[in-house]
Protein backbone atom coordinates (compact mmCIF):
# COMPACT_ATOMS: atom_id res chain seq x y z
CA MET A 1 100.49 106.77 115.41
CA SER A 2 98.61 104.26 117.58
CA ASP A 3 100.27 101.01 118.59
CA THR A 4 98.05 99.07 116.13
CA GLU A 5 98.70 101.36 113.17
CA LEU A 6 101.27 100.35 110.55
CA ASP A 7 103.24 102.77 108.39
CA ALA A 8 104.83 102.05 105.00
CA LEU A 9 108.02 100.61 106.50
CA ASP A 10 106.07 98.30 108.80
CA ARG A 11 104.09 96.98 105.84
CA SER A 12 107.24 96.51 103.80
CA LEU A 13 108.83 94.58 106.65
CA VAL A 14 105.79 92.33 106.98
CA GLN A 15 105.86 91.51 103.26
CA ALA A 16 109.60 90.87 103.44
CA LEU A 17 109.01 88.37 106.24
CA VAL A 18 106.21 86.73 104.26
CA ILE A 19 108.79 86.05 101.54
CA ASP A 20 111.41 84.70 103.96
CA GLY A 21 110.46 84.55 107.61
CA ARG A 22 114.01 83.74 108.73
CA ALA A 23 115.90 86.23 106.58
CA PRO A 24 118.67 87.85 108.70
CA PHE A 25 117.92 91.34 109.96
CA SER A 26 120.94 92.60 108.03
CA ARG A 27 119.48 91.24 104.79
CA LEU A 28 116.06 92.73 105.53
CA ALA A 29 117.68 96.10 106.25
CA GLU A 30 119.64 96.03 103.00
CA VAL A 31 116.56 95.25 100.90
CA LEU A 32 114.34 97.78 102.72
CA GLU A 33 117.09 100.40 102.50
CA VAL A 34 117.21 101.23 106.21
CA SER A 35 119.63 100.50 109.04
CA ASP A 36 119.88 97.17 110.84
CA GLN A 37 118.84 98.87 114.07
CA THR A 38 115.70 100.25 112.46
CA VAL A 39 114.61 96.82 111.22
CA VAL A 40 115.30 95.21 114.61
CA ARG A 41 113.36 97.94 116.41
CA ARG A 42 110.39 97.72 114.05
CA TYR A 43 110.25 93.93 114.19
CA ARG A 44 110.44 93.83 117.97
CA ARG A 45 107.58 96.34 118.23
CA LEU A 46 105.40 94.36 115.82
CA ARG A 47 106.07 91.11 117.63
CA THR A 48 105.91 92.25 121.25
CA THR A 49 102.61 94.06 120.64
CA GLY A 50 101.20 90.92 119.01
CA LEU A 51 100.57 92.50 115.63
CA ILE A 52 102.50 89.84 113.72
CA ARG A 53 104.08 86.50 114.50
CA VAL A 54 106.56 84.53 112.42
CA VAL A 55 106.00 80.83 112.99
CA GLY A 56 107.63 77.69 111.61
CA LEU A 57 105.06 75.04 110.71
CA PRO A 58 105.21 71.50 109.32
CA VAL A 59 103.81 70.81 105.87
CA GLY A 60 101.09 68.38 106.93
CA SER A 61 100.88 66.38 103.70
CA ARG A 62 104.67 65.95 103.65
CA VAL A 63 105.07 64.73 107.23
CA GLY A 64 101.88 62.68 107.48
CA LEU A 65 99.69 64.83 109.71
CA PHE A 66 95.95 64.11 109.69
CA GLU A 67 94.41 67.41 108.64
CA SER A 68 90.67 68.02 108.72
CA TRP A 69 88.29 70.96 108.51
CA LEU A 70 85.58 70.72 111.16
CA ARG A 71 82.22 72.48 111.30
CA VAL A 72 80.89 72.31 114.87
CA GLN A 73 77.30 73.42 115.43
CA CYS A 74 76.52 74.73 118.92
CA ALA A 75 73.71 76.22 120.95
CA PRO A 76 73.91 80.04 120.61
CA ASP A 77 75.26 80.57 124.12
CA ALA A 78 77.82 77.78 123.81
CA ALA A 79 79.72 78.59 120.60
CA LEU A 80 82.24 80.98 122.13
CA PRO A 81 83.18 78.67 125.05
CA VAL A 82 83.47 75.72 122.64
CA ALA A 83 85.66 77.80 120.32
CA GLY A 84 87.86 78.77 123.26
CA ALA A 85 88.20 75.16 124.38
CA LEU A 86 89.15 74.04 120.87
CA ALA A 87 91.66 76.89 120.57
CA ARG A 88 93.50 75.64 123.65
CA ARG A 89 94.19 72.28 122.02
CA PRO A 90 97.70 72.06 120.50
CA ASP A 91 96.44 69.81 117.67
CA ILE A 92 94.08 72.52 116.38
CA ALA A 93 95.71 75.32 114.42
CA TRP A 94 92.83 77.58 113.32
CA VAL A 95 89.52 78.41 115.00
CA THR A 96 86.84 80.89 113.89
CA LEU A 97 83.35 81.72 115.07
CA ASN A 98 80.96 81.66 112.11
CA SER A 99 77.38 81.62 110.87
CA GLY A 100 75.60 84.00 113.23
CA GLY A 101 77.59 82.79 116.21
CA THR A 102 76.24 79.24 116.24
CA GLU A 103 78.98 77.45 114.29
CA VAL A 104 82.68 76.99 115.00
CA HIS A 105 85.14 76.16 112.23
CA CYS A 106 88.56 74.71 113.00
CA MET A 107 91.49 72.99 111.32
CA THR A 108 92.95 69.93 113.01
CA ARG A 109 96.54 68.77 112.61
CA ALA A 110 96.67 65.44 114.45
CA ARG A 111 99.93 63.47 114.61
CA THR A 112 98.17 60.11 114.45
CA ARG A 113 94.89 58.70 113.22
CA LYS A 114 94.09 57.71 116.82
CA ASP A 115 94.50 61.30 118.03
CA ARG A 116 92.18 62.54 115.28
CA ASP A 117 89.56 59.88 115.98
CA THR A 118 89.66 60.55 119.73
CA LEU A 119 88.77 64.19 119.10
CA LEU A 120 86.03 63.41 116.56
CA LEU A 121 84.49 60.34 118.13
CA GLU A 122 84.92 60.93 121.86
CA LYS A 123 85.78 64.45 122.98
CA LEU A 124 83.62 66.63 120.72
CA PRO A 125 80.46 64.48 120.87
CA ARG A 126 80.60 64.60 124.67
CA THR A 127 81.02 68.37 124.77
CA ARG A 128 78.02 70.04 126.36
CA ARG A 129 75.81 72.09 123.99
CA VAL A 130 77.45 70.78 120.80
CA THR A 131 74.52 69.92 118.53
CA GLY A 132 76.30 68.68 115.41
CA ILE A 133 79.70 67.96 113.89
CA SER A 134 80.78 67.56 110.28
CA ALA A 135 84.37 66.56 109.57
CA HIS A 136 85.98 67.06 106.16
CA THR A 137 89.38 65.56 105.40
CA ILE A 138 91.77 67.87 103.54
CA LEU A 139 92.49 65.93 100.34
CA ARG A 140 94.64 68.40 98.40
CA LYS A 141 95.71 71.98 99.08
CA PHE A 142 95.59 74.28 96.08
CA PHE A 143 96.86 77.30 97.99
CA GLY A 144 98.03 77.90 101.54
CA GLY A 145 100.81 76.78 103.81
CA PRO A 146 104.12 77.58 102.06
CA ASP A 147 102.34 79.76 99.48
CA ALA A 148 102.66 83.48 100.22
CA TRP A 149 99.33 85.33 100.29
CA ALA A 150 99.36 88.45 98.10
CA GLY A 151 97.26 90.54 100.49
CA VAL A 152 100.33 92.56 101.51
CA ASP A 153 101.78 93.99 98.29
CA VAL A 154 104.04 97.02 98.79
CA LEU A 155 107.56 95.92 97.81
CA ARG A 156 109.11 96.60 94.43
CA PRO A 157 109.79 93.63 92.13
CA ASP A 158 113.56 93.98 92.65
CA GLN A 159 113.09 93.88 96.44
CA ILE A 160 110.95 90.76 96.16
CA ALA A 161 113.54 89.08 93.93
CA ALA A 162 116.32 89.94 96.38
CA LEU A 163 114.48 88.22 99.25
CA GLU A 164 113.29 85.09 97.48
CA ARG A 165 115.26 82.02 98.42
CA PRO A 166 117.10 80.38 95.52
CA PRO A 167 115.62 77.07 94.40
CA ALA A 168 116.95 74.21 96.46
CA PRO A 169 119.18 71.72 94.63
CA PRO A 170 117.39 68.53 93.63
CA ALA A 171 117.02 66.36 96.69
CA PRO A 172 117.93 62.67 96.57
CA PRO A 173 114.98 60.33 96.05
CA ALA A 174 112.88 60.22 99.19
CA PRO A 175 109.63 58.59 100.24
CA GLU A 176 106.52 60.67 99.62
CA ARG A 177 106.19 61.33 103.34
CA TYR A 178 108.96 62.32 105.70
CA ALA A 179 108.77 60.85 109.20
CA LEU A 180 109.66 63.45 111.82
CA ASP A 181 111.64 62.16 114.79
CA ASP A 182 111.31 63.35 118.38
CA THR A 183 114.16 65.84 117.98
CA GLU A 184 112.46 67.41 114.98
CA PHE A 185 109.14 67.60 116.82
CA ALA A 186 110.97 69.43 119.62
CA LEU A 187 112.45 71.78 117.02
CA LEU A 188 109.01 72.44 115.55
CA THR A 189 107.54 73.12 118.98
CA VAL A 190 109.93 76.03 119.44
CA LEU A 191 109.50 77.30 115.89
CA GLY A 192 105.72 77.09 116.26
CA ARG A 193 105.97 79.75 118.98
CA ASP A 194 108.72 81.81 117.37
CA GLY A 195 109.82 81.10 113.82
CA ARG A 196 112.82 83.41 114.29
CA ALA A 197 114.09 81.65 117.42
CA GLY A 198 117.88 81.67 117.49
CA TYR A 199 120.01 78.58 117.10
CA PRO A 200 121.12 78.63 120.77
CA GLU A 201 117.44 78.30 121.80
CA LEU A 202 116.83 75.56 119.24
CA ALA A 203 119.92 73.72 120.45
CA ARG A 204 118.76 73.86 124.09
CA ALA A 205 115.30 72.57 123.18
CA THR A 206 116.57 69.67 121.09
CA GLY A 207 119.82 68.68 122.81
CA LEU A 208 121.68 69.27 119.55
CA SER A 209 124.66 71.50 118.94
CA GLU A 210 123.90 74.85 117.34
CA SER A 211 125.48 73.83 114.05
CA THR A 212 123.49 70.58 114.00
CA ALA A 213 120.25 72.43 114.83
CA ARG A 214 120.96 74.78 111.92
CA ARG A 215 121.60 71.90 109.53
CA ARG A 216 118.49 70.05 110.70
CA LEU A 217 116.30 73.13 110.17
CA GLU A 218 117.68 73.75 106.69
CA ARG A 219 117.23 70.10 105.78
CA LEU A 220 113.56 70.22 106.78
CA ARG A 221 113.09 73.28 104.57
CA GLU A 222 114.86 71.66 101.63
CA LEU A 223 112.73 68.52 101.98
CA GLY A 224 109.54 70.59 101.92
CA ALA A 225 108.65 69.48 105.44
CA LEU A 226 108.87 72.92 107.08
CA PHE A 227 107.80 76.40 106.04
CA PHE A 228 107.70 79.80 107.72
CA ASP A 229 104.48 81.77 107.92
CA VAL A 230 103.79 85.36 108.98
CA GLU A 231 100.50 85.50 110.81
CA PHE A 232 98.41 88.61 111.48
CA VAL A 233 94.76 89.58 111.79
CA PRO A 234 93.56 90.77 108.34
CA THR A 235 91.75 93.82 109.76
CA LEU A 236 95.17 95.21 110.62
CA PHE A 237 95.75 95.63 106.89
CA GLY A 238 92.28 96.93 106.12
CA TYR A 239 90.56 93.63 105.26
CA GLU A 240 87.23 93.73 107.08
CA ALA A 241 85.34 90.86 105.40
CA GLU A 242 86.47 87.26 105.89
CA ALA A 243 84.42 84.23 104.94
CA THR A 244 84.61 80.53 104.20
CA VAL A 245 83.30 79.69 100.74
CA VAL A 246 82.19 76.11 100.11
CA LEU A 247 81.74 75.03 96.49
CA THR A 248 80.20 72.01 94.84
CA VAL A 249 82.38 71.03 91.88
CA PRO A 250 82.23 67.89 89.67
CA PRO A 251 85.28 65.66 90.18
CA ALA A 252 86.41 66.16 86.59
CA ARG A 253 86.60 69.94 87.12
CA LEU A 254 87.96 69.97 90.67
CA ALA A 255 91.63 70.48 89.79
CA GLN A 256 90.78 73.24 87.31
CA VAL A 257 88.52 75.11 89.73
CA GLY A 258 91.00 74.69 92.58
CA ALA A 259 93.79 76.13 90.45
CA ALA A 260 91.57 79.07 89.50
CA LEU A 261 90.84 79.90 93.14
CA ALA A 262 94.53 79.56 93.98
CA SER A 263 95.24 82.36 91.49
CA HIS A 264 92.85 84.80 93.21
CA ARG A 265 94.56 87.31 95.50
CA GLU A 266 91.48 87.24 97.76
CA VAL A 267 92.16 83.58 98.66
CA PRO A 268 94.82 82.76 101.29
CA PHE A 269 93.69 79.11 101.52
CA ALA A 270 91.90 76.70 99.17
CA ALA A 271 91.63 72.92 99.34
CA ALA A 272 89.72 69.92 98.04
CA VAL A 273 87.81 68.28 100.88
CA THR A 274 85.58 65.30 101.52
CA GLY A 275 81.85 65.73 101.91
CA ALA A 276 78.85 66.83 99.86
CA ALA A 277 80.74 69.94 98.71
CA SER A 278 84.15 69.22 97.27
CA LEU A 279 86.10 72.46 97.66
CA MET A 280 86.50 75.02 100.43
CA ALA A 281 88.33 78.32 100.44
CA VAL A 282 89.00 81.12 102.87
CA VAL A 283 88.26 84.49 101.25
CA VAL A 284 89.50 87.84 102.58
CA CYS A 285 88.18 91.13 101.11
CA ARG A 286 88.25 94.82 101.98
CA ASP A 287 84.55 94.91 102.88
CA THR A 288 81.26 93.14 102.19
CA ASP A 289 80.79 95.02 98.92
CA ALA A 290 84.19 93.73 97.74
CA LEU A 291 83.16 90.24 98.87
CA TYR A 292 79.99 90.51 96.76
CA THR A 293 82.05 91.62 93.77
CA TYR A 294 84.45 88.72 94.29
CA LEU A 295 81.60 86.18 94.40
CA THR A 296 79.76 87.52 91.36
CA GLU A 297 82.67 88.45 89.13
CA ARG A 298 85.52 86.13 90.11
CA ILE A 299 83.80 82.98 91.40
CA GLY A 300 80.95 83.49 88.96
CA ALA A 301 83.39 83.45 86.04
CA VAL A 302 84.94 80.09 86.94
CA ASP A 303 83.54 77.24 84.85
CA GLY A 304 82.55 74.14 86.76
CA VAL A 305 81.28 75.74 89.95
CA GLY A 306 77.86 74.47 91.01
CA GLN A 307 76.38 75.47 94.34
CA VAL A 308 78.18 78.04 96.49
CA GLU A 309 77.78 78.51 100.25
CA VAL A 310 79.22 81.65 101.85
CA ILE A 311 79.80 81.49 105.62
CA PRO A 312 80.94 84.79 107.18
CA ALA A 313 83.62 84.66 109.87
CA LEU A 314 82.45 86.70 112.85
CA ARG A 315 85.58 86.34 114.93
CA SER A 316 89.01 84.76 114.72
CA VAL A 317 89.83 82.83 117.88
CA LYS A 318 93.09 81.15 116.82
CA ARG A 319 95.36 81.65 113.81
CA ALA A 320 98.30 79.35 112.99
CA GLY A 321 98.50 78.22 116.60
CA MET A 322 98.28 81.75 118.09
CA LEU A 323 95.26 82.90 120.13
CA VAL A 324 93.60 86.11 118.90
CA GLU A 325 92.63 89.00 121.15
CA GLY A 326 91.18 91.79 119.04
CA GLU A 327 93.86 92.49 116.42
CA ARG A 328 96.65 90.95 118.51
CA LEU A 329 98.16 87.48 118.60
CA VAL A 330 99.11 85.90 121.92
CA ASP A 331 100.75 82.63 122.88
CA PRO A 332 98.39 79.78 123.76
CA PRO A 333 98.70 78.28 127.25
CA PRO A 334 101.17 75.39 127.59
CA ALA A 335 99.75 72.02 126.63
CA PRO A 336 98.70 69.98 129.68
């Protein structure tokens, strides 16, 4: 077996981590019906070879991040360098090369309005060979973030049930947005590189005791301010066709259409956005024929959809904060 080939146990482990990215190895081993040592060995191989990465990420709408989807048009010979430069920015989480290699798509996660405006109004317009920029604010996510994509589906129902976290007890009344403090940002910085980082490492990074770091992490999860994601390149699981689909939907039908897309297993992300088209979704299919079938039979059956634009993704450059090299994920360089 090559070092980029996954067997049945690898796939089961990936799905288990999608359900709970911080589940103890002992729990994962019990559910997968193998030894602790086997799970540890398999996970370390998957992570050290860059095939998967568990990351802890803030829920942008809960903590007040300014999230936007950008379409950056470039001269043909400039798109890849521009994509690489955007991927090195810590406030940009996702970058893809699209549309015949002349357009870069990215997702921004700015901490302040000023940071977002500096990127949109100063840095990008001054970038050499950028010919156009359209910025679309994320208004409402219908699927993505804490939602687990169904693209990896190998576990039995009883195994899934055993891994799902019990519902959190009702939290006390809290403001709609939770303001992260500097300690929590330091915690998220570590978890953004390694969502399974141990409590000693989290304690060192934050200046907290290990028990306090544990309590702070669990509190962020209970408040819906933090989730754990398992990132990988879809081709690793046999998904060869990835595209951004942009739909024009009347405002009165937007919630209904968004909910319909959120129910499609081909969609790992869907959101209402500003702009001429009101909804965008990332679609992942086995091949272009499956993508055609999805567009004609699934999208075509949803009432309320007007115009549809399909923009193929030619290359992933950054996924959930990790740079992409082929089918592998690597750490981005330290922020300047």
